[in-house]
Amino acid sequence: MEQGLALHHIGVRFGGLTALDDVSLRVPAGSVVGVIGPNGAGKTTLFNVICGFLVPESGSLTLDGRPLRPRPHQLTRLGIARTLQGTGLFAGLTALENVMTGATHTARAGFLAALLGLPGSDRDERRLRQHALDILDGLGIAGHADAAPGTLPFAVRQRVALARALAARPRLLLLDEPAGGLGAEDIADLAELIRQLPQRAADPCAVLLVEHHMDLVMSVCDEIVVLDFGRVIAAGTPDEVRDDPAVTDAYLGSAVDEATA
């Protein structure tokens, strides 16, 4: 059975506008696959289909070879975790508590019960707390466990958001513009982290990255899919995509030269 995510001939229309047209791609377990393209290419629509915010008019999805019919409120139970643009952390919780929320589907009593100290929650709370601390430590930010997100540098908040996603023990990890708002040095650190992400989950997971920073995409992805007006116009390794004249002329241009100089 094939492990990872697969999209088969996905089609999405909004009235007379075709947002995705016969889009197929695969994200094997243990790999990082990037999706790139100009504004309006269909990247956000693609993410929304995978997360269940949009139901495609045609095509199908599979995860680990089984039919996938995602619903936003069921993603963690399906083994899917995602990061949001701008981190999306809860301001009223500490960094550690934010990470703990990512694993609440594994708790019998639930995270709210643990926070309120309700009966039956002690064992869950201790297990979730240790699990969250281990992930923060693995990402090098355990020293910020008790800090409020608003007091942390943006690059650290990004890592907390990644930690929260990893706490769900995902089979599929979706990264939505993780380099947004980061400087060059922080992007280099993020690249190193993303390369390690497929092996940080309990089992090797599939990582799908949507990103417009070409230097990051070219340095971390095993394969890249290029969208244009909702269609896949190229797919392959970073070298293959970089050397594709049509892709270079239409989408990457000087950005590829700068990223690979």
C-alpha atoms as a PDB file:
ATOM      1  CA  MET A   1       0.000   0.000   0.000  1.00  0.00           C
ATOM      2  CA  GLU A   2       1.381   3.382  -1.021  1.00  0.00           C
ATOM      3  CA  GLN A   3       2.128   5.597   1.969  1.00  0.00           C
ATOM      4  CA  GLY A   4       1.481   9.318   1.763  1.00  0.00           C
ATOM      5  CA  LEU A   5      -0.976  11.693   0.113  1.00  0.00           C
ATOM      6  CA  ALA A   6      -2.221  11.422  -3.464  1.00  0.00           C
ATOM      7  CA  LEU A   7      -4.548  13.707  -5.414  1.00  0.00           C
ATOM      8  CA  HIS A   8      -6.169  12.194  -8.485  1.00  0.00           C
ATOM      9  CA  HIS A   9      -7.501  14.503 -11.236  1.00  0.00           C
ATOM     10  CA  ILE A  10      -8.880  17.155  -8.879  1.00  0.00           C
ATOM     11  CA  GLY A  11     -11.175  19.785 -10.391  1.00  0.00           C
ATOM     12  CA  VAL A  12     -12.628  22.870  -8.666  1.00  0.00           C
ATOM     13  CA  ARG A  13     -14.696  25.635 -10.263  1.00  0.00           C
ATOM     14  CA  PHE A  14     -16.103  28.864  -8.868  1.00  0.00           C
ATOM     15  CA  GLY A  15     -18.865  29.834 -11.249  1.00  0.00           C
ATOM     16  CA  GLY A  16     -17.165  30.362 -14.579  1.00  0.00           C
ATOM     17  CA  LEU A  17     -13.664  30.337 -13.080  1.00  0.00           C
ATOM     18  CA  THR A  18     -11.637  27.138 -13.091  1.00  0.00           C
ATOM     19  CA  ALA A  19      -9.524  27.133  -9.917  1.00  0.00           C
ATOM     20  CA  LEU A  20      -8.073  23.622 -10.289  1.00  0.00           C
ATOM     21  CA  ASP A  21      -8.130  21.690 -13.543  1.00  0.00           C
ATOM     22  CA  ASP A  22      -7.285  17.962 -13.534  1.00  0.00           C
ATOM     23  CA  VAL A  23      -4.629  18.329 -10.809  1.00  0.00           C
ATOM     24  CA  SER A  24      -2.800  15.169  -9.776  1.00  0.00           C
ATOM     25  CA  LEU A  25       0.163  14.971  -7.412  1.00  0.00           C
ATOM     26  CA  ARG A  26       1.744  12.650  -4.887  1.00  0.00           C
ATOM     27  CA  VAL A  27       3.437  13.370  -1.559  1.00  0.00           C
ATOM     28  CA  PRO A  28       5.145  10.128  -0.461  1.00  0.00           C
ATOM     29  CA  ALA A  29       5.726   9.462   3.226  1.00  0.00           C
ATOM     30  CA  GLY A  30       9.178  10.615   4.288  1.00  0.00           C
ATOM     31  CA  SER A  31       9.394  13.308   1.601  1.00  0.00           C
ATOM     32  CA  VAL A  32       8.898  17.060   1.248  1.00  0.00           C
ATOM     33  CA  VAL A  33       6.941  18.160  -1.827  1.00  0.00           C
ATOM     34  CA  GLY A  34       6.583  21.832  -2.680  1.00  0.00           C
ATOM     35  CA  VAL A  35       3.784  23.560  -4.598  1.00  0.00           C
ATOM     36  CA  ILE A  36       4.653  26.845  -6.283  1.00  0.00           C
ATOM     37  CA  GLY A  37       3.104  29.227  -8.766  1.00  0.00           C
ATOM     38  CA  PRO A  38       2.112  32.870  -9.116  1.00  0.00           C
ATOM     39  CA  ASN A  39      -0.786  34.491  -7.299  1.00  0.00           C
ATOM     40  CA  GLY A  40      -4.025  32.958  -8.524  1.00  0.00           C
ATOM     41  CA  ALA A  41      -2.350  29.727  -9.619  1.00  0.00           C
ATOM     42  CA  GLY A  42      -4.529  27.610  -7.326  1.00  0.00           C
ATOM     43  CA  LYS A  43      -2.201  26.936  -4.384  1.00  0.00           C
ATOM     44  CA  THR A  44      -4.654  28.091  -1.711  1.00  0.00           C
ATOM     45  CA  THR A  45      -7.502  26.217  -3.368  1.00  0.00           C
ATOM     46  CA  LEU A  46      -5.384  23.075  -3.361  1.00  0.00           C
ATOM     47  CA  PHE A  47      -4.716  23.422   0.369  1.00  0.00           C
ATOM     48  CA  ASN A  48      -8.391  24.037   1.040  1.00  0.00           C
ATOM     49  CA  VAL A  49      -9.337  20.856  -0.805  1.00  0.00           C
ATOM     50  CA  ILE A  50      -6.880  18.796   1.225  1.00  0.00           C
ATOM     51  CA  CYS A  51      -8.175  20.337   4.464  1.00  0.00           C
ATOM     52  CA  GLY A  52     -11.816  19.800   3.575  1.00  0.00           C
ATOM     53  CA  PHE A  53     -12.806  23.452   3.291  1.00  0.00           C
ATOM     54  CA  LEU A  54     -13.650  22.813  -0.365  1.00  0.00           C
ATOM     55  CA  VAL A  55     -15.152  19.685  -1.891  1.00  0.00           C
ATOM     56  CA  PRO A  56     -13.814  19.134  -5.429  1.00  0.00           C
ATOM     57  CA  GLU A  57     -16.281  18.755  -8.284  1.00  0.00           C
ATOM     58  CA  SER A  58     -14.189  15.974  -9.760  1.00  0.00           C
ATOM     59  CA  GLY A  59     -11.352  13.707  -8.736  1.00  0.00           C
ATOM     60  CA  SER A  60     -10.451  12.017  -5.461  1.00  0.00           C
ATOM     61  CA  LEU A  61      -7.891  12.003  -2.644  1.00  0.00           C
ATOM     62  CA  THR A  62      -6.170   9.132  -0.868  1.00  0.00           C
ATOM     63  CA  LEU A  63      -4.012   9.012   2.258  1.00  0.00           C
ATOM     64  CA  ASP A  64      -1.839   5.947   2.726  1.00  0.00           C
ATOM     65  CA  GLY A  65      -3.770   4.313  -0.090  1.00  0.00           C
ATOM     66  CA  ARG A  66      -7.187   4.771   1.516  1.00  0.00           C
ATOM     67  CA  PRO A  67      -9.914   7.151   0.302  1.00  0.00           C
ATOM     68  CA  LEU A  68      -9.631  10.546   2.006  1.00  0.00           C
ATOM     69  CA  ARG A  69     -12.709  12.710   2.501  1.00  0.00           C
ATOM     70  CA  PRO A  70     -11.356  15.420   4.808  1.00  0.00           C
ATOM     71  CA  ARG A  71     -13.430  17.606   7.105  1.00  0.00           C
ATOM     72  CA  PRO A  72     -11.780  20.553   8.873  1.00  0.00           C
ATOM     73  CA  HIS A  73     -12.799  19.443  12.368  1.00  0.00           C
ATOM     74  CA  GLN A  74     -11.563  15.886  11.773  1.00  0.00           C
ATOM     75  CA  LEU A  75      -8.088  16.592  10.396  1.00  0.00           C
ATOM     76  CA  THR A  76      -6.073  15.531  13.459  1.00  0.00           C
ATOM     77  CA  ARG A  77      -8.046  12.296  13.777  1.00  0.00           C
ATOM     78  CA  LEU A  78      -7.286  11.612  10.117  1.00  0.00           C
ATOM     79  CA  GLY A  79      -3.579  12.113  10.781  1.00  0.00           C
ATOM     80  CA  ILE A  80      -3.354  15.535   9.116  1.00  0.00           C
ATOM     81  CA  ALA A  81      -1.802  18.614  10.711  1.00  0.00           C
ATOM     82  CA  ARG A  82      -1.215  22.058   9.237  1.00  0.00           C
ATOM     83  CA  THR A  83       0.432  25.322  10.094  1.00  0.00           C
ATOM     84  CA  LEU A  84      -1.254  28.623   9.320  1.00  0.00           C
ATOM     85  CA  GLN A  85       0.108  31.845   7.868  1.00  0.00           C
ATOM     86  CA  GLY A  86       0.931  34.039  10.858  1.00  0.00           C
ATOM     87  CA  THR A  87       1.265  31.014  13.245  1.00  0.00           C
ATOM     88  CA  GLY A  88      -2.330  31.058  14.588  1.00  0.00           C
ATOM     89  CA  LEU A  89      -1.239  30.506  18.202  1.00  0.00           C
ATOM     90  CA  PHE A  90      -3.601  31.016  21.135  1.00  0.00           C
ATOM     91  CA  ALA A  91      -2.627  34.227  22.910  1.00  0.00           C
ATOM     92  CA  GLY A  92      -4.106  33.147  26.245  1.00  0.00           C
ATOM     93  CA  LEU A  93      -1.996  29.986  26.507  1.00  0.00           C
ATOM     94  CA  THR A  94       1.725  29.481  27.047  1.00  0.00           C
ATOM     95  CA  ALA A  95       3.906  28.062  24.298  1.00  0.00           C
ATOM     96  CA  LEU A  96       3.788  24.674  26.028  1.00  0.00           C
ATOM     97  CA  GLU A  97       0.002  24.740  26.356  1.00  0.00           C
ATOM     98  CA  ASN A  98      -0.310  25.694  22.684  1.00  0.00           C
ATOM     99  CA  VAL A  99       1.689  22.619  21.745  1.00  0.00           C
ATOM    100  CA  MET A 100      -0.423  20.446  24.054  1.00  0.00           C
ATOM    101  CA  THR A 101      -3.557  21.472  22.167  1.00  0.00           C
ATOM    102  CA  GLY A 102      -2.144  19.774  19.083  1.00  0.00           C
ATOM    103  CA  ALA A 103      -2.396  16.363  20.753  1.00  0.00           C
ATOM    104  CA  THR A 104      -5.790  16.641  22.424  1.00  0.00           C
ATOM    105  CA  HIS A 105      -7.330  14.000  20.145  1.00  0.00           C
ATOM    106  CA  THR A 106      -5.157  11.423  21.946  1.00  0.00           C
ATOM    107  CA  ALA A 107      -6.365  12.426  25.419  1.00  0.00           C
ATOM    108  CA  ARG A 108      -9.202  10.531  27.057  1.00  0.00           C
ATOM    109  CA  ALA A 109     -10.263  13.351  29.357  1.00  0.00           C
ATOM    110  CA  GLY A 110      -9.453  16.142  26.913  1.00  0.00           C
ATOM    111  CA  PHE A 111      -7.225  19.199  27.159  1.00  0.00           C
ATOM    112  CA  LEU A 112      -9.933  21.448  28.614  1.00  0.00           C
ATOM    113  CA  ALA A 113     -10.463  18.980  31.429  1.00  0.00           C
ATOM    114  CA  ALA A 114      -6.720  18.930  32.034  1.00  0.00           C
ATOM    115  CA  LEU A 115      -6.553  22.721  32.186  1.00  0.00           C
ATOM    116  CA  LEU A 116      -9.460  22.822  34.629  1.00  0.00           C
ATOM    117  CA  GLY A 117      -8.130  19.960  36.727  1.00  0.00           C
ATOM    118  CA  LEU A 118     -11.268  17.857  36.296  1.00  0.00           C
ATOM    119  CA  PRO A 119     -11.385  14.217  37.503  1.00  0.00           C
ATOM    120  CA  GLY A 120      -9.558  11.754  35.297  1.00  0.00           C
ATOM    121  CA  SER A 121      -7.432  14.429  33.690  1.00  0.00           C
ATOM    122  CA  ASP A 122      -4.192  14.161  35.693  1.00  0.00           C
ATOM    123  CA  ARG A 123      -2.693  11.264  33.761  1.00  0.00           C
ATOM    124  CA  ASP A 124      -3.596  12.794  30.401  1.00  0.00           C
ATOM    125  CA  GLU A 125      -2.228  16.176  31.460  1.00  0.00           C
ATOM    126  CA  ARG A 126       1.126  14.711  32.496  1.00  0.00           C
ATOM    127  CA  ARG A 127       1.444  12.695  29.312  1.00  0.00           C
ATOM    128  CA  LEU A 128       0.487  15.590  27.054  1.00  0.00           C
ATOM    129  CA  ARG A 129       2.808  17.951  28.901  1.00  0.00           C
ATOM    130  CA  GLN A 130       5.801  15.628  28.585  1.00  0.00           C
ATOM    131  CA  HIS A 131       5.027  14.952  24.925  1.00  0.00           C
ATOM    132  CA  ALA A 132       4.853  18.702  24.235  1.00  0.00           C
ATOM    133  CA  LEU A 133       8.068  19.388  26.160  1.00  0.00           C
ATOM    134  CA  ASP A 134       9.889  16.687  24.194  1.00  0.00           C
ATOM    135  CA  ILE A 135       8.834  18.273  20.905  1.00  0.00           C
ATOM    136  CA  LEU A 136       9.797  21.787  22.032  1.00  0.00           C
ATOM    137  CA  ASP A 137      13.162  20.422  23.124  1.00  0.00           C
ATOM    138  CA  GLY A 138      13.652  18.705  19.781  1.00  0.00           C
ATOM    139  CA  LEU A 139      13.042  22.028  18.030  1.00  0.00           C
ATOM    140  CA  GLY A 140      15.459  23.841  20.343  1.00  0.00           C
ATOM    141  CA  ILE A 141      12.876  26.061  22.067  1.00  0.00           C
ATOM    142  CA  ALA A 142      12.109  24.252  25.334  1.00  0.00           C
ATOM    143  CA  GLY A 143      13.436  27.287  27.180  1.00  0.00           C
ATOM    144  CA  HIS A 144      10.383  29.236  25.965  1.00  0.00           C
ATOM    145  CA  ALA A 145       7.822  26.680  27.201  1.00  0.00           C
ATOM    146  CA  ASP A 146       6.268  28.968  29.812  1.00  0.00           C
ATOM    147  CA  ALA A 147       6.297  32.130  27.695  1.00  0.00           C
ATOM    148  CA  ALA A 148       3.215  33.736  26.182  1.00  0.00           C
ATOM    149  CA  PRO A 149       3.357  33.652  22.363  1.00  0.00           C
ATOM    150  CA  GLY A 150       3.104  37.429  22.114  1.00  0.00           C
ATOM    151  CA  THR A 151       6.396  37.842  23.997  1.00  0.00           C
ATOM    152  CA  LEU A 152       8.375  35.631  21.615  1.00  0.00           C
ATOM    153  CA  PRO A 153      10.267  36.580  18.446  1.00  0.00           C
ATOM    154  CA  PHE A 154       8.338  35.682  15.312  1.00  0.00           C
ATOM    155  CA  ALA A 155      10.820  32.966  14.313  1.00  0.00           C
ATOM    156  CA  VAL A 156      10.320  31.266  17.694  1.00  0.00           C
ATOM    157  CA  ARG A 157       6.538  31.513  17.339  1.00  0.00           C
ATOM    158  CA  GLN A 158       6.865  29.773  13.989  1.00  0.00           C
ATOM    159  CA  ARG A 159       8.654  26.899  15.714  1.00  0.00           C
ATOM    160  CA  VAL A 160       5.970  26.725  18.386  1.00  0.00           C
ATOM    161  CA  ALA A 161       3.374  26.444  15.614  1.00  0.00           C
ATOM    162  CA  LEU A 162       5.388  23.621  14.029  1.00  0.00           C
ATOM    163  CA  ALA A 163       5.661  21.924  17.413  1.00  0.00           C
ATOM    164  CA  ARG A 164       1.891  22.095  17.837  1.00  0.00           C
ATOM    165  CA  ALA A 165       1.422  20.459  14.439  1.00  0.00           C
ATOM    166  CA  LEU A 166       3.947  17.724  15.244  1.00  0.00           C
ATOM    167  CA  ALA A 167       2.215  17.034  18.571  1.00  0.00           C
ATOM    168  CA  ALA A 168      -0.634  15.476  16.579  1.00  0.00           C
ATOM    169  CA  ARG A 169       1.770  12.765  15.326  1.00  0.00           C
ATOM    170  CA  PRO A 170       0.704  13.499  11.738  1.00  0.00           C
ATOM    171  CA  ARG A 171       0.940  11.214   8.745  1.00  0.00           C
ATOM    172  CA  LEU A 172       0.582  14.344   6.583  1.00  0.00           C
ATOM    173  CA  LEU A 173       1.954  17.774   7.532  1.00  0.00           C
ATOM    174  CA  LEU A 174       0.808  20.821   5.556  1.00  0.00           C
ATOM    175  CA  LEU A 175       2.998  23.924   5.697  1.00  0.00           C
ATOM    176  CA  ASP A 176       1.323  27.107   4.448  1.00  0.00           C
ATOM    177  CA  GLU A 177       3.878  29.860   3.704  1.00  0.00           C
ATOM    178  CA  PRO A 178       6.040  29.090   6.780  1.00  0.00           C
ATOM    179  CA  ALA A 179       8.742  31.583   5.740  1.00  0.00           C
ATOM    180  CA  GLY A 180       6.361  34.556   5.683  1.00  0.00           C
ATOM    181  CA  GLY A 181       7.723  37.385   7.817  1.00  0.00           C
ATOM    182  CA  LEU A 182      11.131  35.779   8.363  1.00  0.00           C
ATOM    183  CA  GLY A 183      14.531  37.280   7.564  1.00  0.00           C
ATOM    184  CA  ALA A 184      17.258  35.515   5.583  1.00  0.00           C
ATOM    185  CA  GLU A 185      18.980  34.014   8.624  1.00  0.00           C
ATOM    186  CA  ASP A 186      15.728  32.700  10.061  1.00  0.00           C
ATOM    187  CA  ILE A 187      14.748  31.234   6.674  1.00  0.00           C
ATOM    188  CA  ALA A 188      18.047  29.338   6.584  1.00  0.00           C
ATOM    189  CA  ASP A 189      17.275  27.904  10.045  1.00  0.00           C
ATOM    190  CA  LEU A 190      13.750  27.050   8.922  1.00  0.00           C
ATOM    191  CA  ALA A 191      15.117  25.217   5.877  1.00  0.00           C
ATOM    192  CA  GLU A 192      17.240  22.987   8.096  1.00  0.00           C
ATOM    193  CA  LEU A 193      14.231  22.284  10.287  1.00  0.00           C
ATOM    194  CA  ILE A 194      11.902  21.429   7.377  1.00  0.00           C
ATOM    195  CA  ARG A 195      14.424  18.963   5.991  1.00  0.00           C
ATOM    196  CA  GLN A 196      14.180  17.074   9.283  1.00  0.00           C
ATOM    197  CA  LEU A 197      10.380  17.226   9.636  1.00  0.00           C
ATOM    198  CA  PRO A 198       9.446  13.994   7.798  1.00  0.00           C
ATOM    199  CA  GLN A 199      11.387  12.000  10.407  1.00  0.00           C
ATOM    200  CA  ARG A 200      10.267  13.939  13.496  1.00  0.00           C
ATOM    201  CA  ALA A 201       6.803  12.364  13.577  1.00  0.00           C
ATOM    202  CA  ALA A 202       6.221   8.969  15.190  1.00  0.00           C
ATOM    203  CA  ASP A 203       6.383   7.420  11.706  1.00  0.00           C
ATOM    204  CA  PRO A 204       7.826   9.083   8.601  1.00  0.00           C
ATOM    205  CA  CYS A 205       5.210  11.579   7.466  1.00  0.00           C
ATOM    206  CA  ALA A 206       4.512  13.291   4.169  1.00  0.00           C
ATOM    207  CA  VAL A 207       5.186  17.047   4.104  1.00  0.00           C
ATOM    208  CA  LEU A 208       3.456  19.348   1.604  1.00  0.00           C
ATOM    209  CA  LEU A 209       4.906  22.865   1.434  1.00  0.00           C
ATOM    210  CA  VAL A 210       3.247  25.854  -0.223  1.00  0.00           C
ATOM    211  CA  GLU A 211       5.758  28.695  -0.302  1.00  0.00           C
ATOM    212  CA  HIS A 212       6.820  31.636  -2.466  1.00  0.00           C
ATOM    213  CA  HIS A 213      10.420  31.884  -1.184  1.00  0.00           C
ATOM    214  CA  MET A 214      12.180  30.057  -3.995  1.00  0.00           C
ATOM    215  CA  ASP A 215      15.454  29.665  -2.137  1.00  0.00           C
ATOM    216  CA  LEU A 216      13.635  27.774   0.620  1.00  0.00           C
ATOM    217  CA  VAL A 217      11.633  25.618  -1.787  1.00  0.00           C
ATOM    218  CA  MET A 218      14.676  24.695  -3.865  1.00  0.00           C
ATOM    219  CA  SER A 219      16.728  23.763  -0.799  1.00  0.00           C
ATOM    220  CA  VAL A 220      14.236  21.581   1.100  1.00  0.00           C
ATOM    221  CA  CYS A 221      11.949  19.856  -1.414  1.00  0.00           C
ATOM    222  CA  ASP A 222      12.449  16.409  -2.877  1.00  0.00           C
ATOM    223  CA  GLU A 223       9.965  17.275  -5.629  1.00  0.00           C
ATOM    224  CA  ILE A 224       8.200  20.448  -6.755  1.00  0.00           C
ATOM    225  CA  VAL A 225       4.842  20.851  -8.473  1.00  0.00           C
ATOM    226  CA  VAL A 226       4.262  24.044 -10.465  1.00  0.00           C
ATOM    227  CA  LEU A 227       0.716  25.368 -10.922  1.00  0.00           C
ATOM    228  CA  ASP A 228      -0.476  27.936 -13.427  1.00  0.00           C
ATOM    229  CA  PHE A 229      -4.136  28.950 -13.728  1.00  0.00           C
ATOM    230  CA  GLY A 230      -5.114  25.812 -11.830  1.00  0.00           C
ATOM    231  CA  ARG A 231      -3.163  23.362 -13.982  1.00  0.00           C
ATOM    232  CA  VAL A 232       0.038  21.447 -13.295  1.00  0.00           C
ATOM    233  CA  ILE A 233       2.535  22.710 -15.870  1.00  0.00           C
ATOM    234  CA  ALA A 234       5.631  21.010 -14.456  1.00  0.00           C
ATOM    235  CA  ALA A 235       6.647  18.545 -11.759  1.00  0.00           C
ATOM    236  CA  GLY A 236       9.966  17.048 -10.791  1.00  0.00           C
ATOM    237  CA  THR A 237      13.068  17.508  -8.698  1.00  0.00           C
ATOM    238  CA  PRO A 238      14.277  21.037  -7.920  1.00  0.00           C
ATOM    239  CA  ASP A 239      16.930  20.666 -10.629  1.00  0.00           C
ATOM    240  CA  GLU A 240      14.369  19.535 -13.193  1.00  0.00           C
ATOM    241  CA  VAL A 241      12.011  22.392 -12.371  1.00  0.00           C
ATOM    242  CA  ARG A 242      14.810  24.939 -12.328  1.00  0.00           C
ATOM    243  CA  ASP A 243      16.037  23.779 -15.726  1.00  0.00           C
ATOM    244  CA  ASP A 244      12.588  23.723 -17.352  1.00  0.00           C
ATOM    245  CA  PRO A 245      12.657  26.717 -19.758  1.00  0.00           C
ATOM    246  CA  ALA A 246       8.896  27.235 -19.633  1.00  0.00           C
ATOM    247  CA  VAL A 247       8.860  27.309 -15.832  1.00  0.00           C
ATOM    248  CA  THR A 248      11.889  29.560 -15.638  1.00  0.00           C
ATOM    249  CA  ASP A 249      10.494  32.031 -18.150  1.00  0.00           C
ATOM    250  CA  ALA A 250       6.951  32.104 -16.809  1.00  0.00           C
ATOM    251  CA  TYR A 251       7.329  31.883 -13.017  1.00  0.00           C
ATOM    252  CA  LEU A 252      10.787  31.810 -11.540  1.00  0.00           C
ATOM    253  CA  GLY A 253      12.974  34.031 -13.641  1.00  0.00           C
ATOM    254  CA  SER A 254      15.717  35.696 -11.671  1.00  0.00           C
ATOM    255  CA  ALA A 255      14.389  34.177  -8.412  1.00  0.00           C
ATOM    256  CA  VAL A 256      15.840  30.790  -9.408  1.00  0.00           C
ATOM    257  CA  ASP A 257      19.194  32.321 -10.333  1.00  0.00           C
ATOM    258  CA  GLU A 258      19.375  34.057  -6.963  1.00  0.00           C
ATOM    259  CA  ALA A 259      18.306  30.935  -5.057  1.00  0.00           C
ATOM    260  CA  THR A 260      20.900  28.704  -6.751  1.00  0.00           C
ATOM    261  CA  ALA A 261      23.783  31.154  -7.109  1.00  0.00           C
END
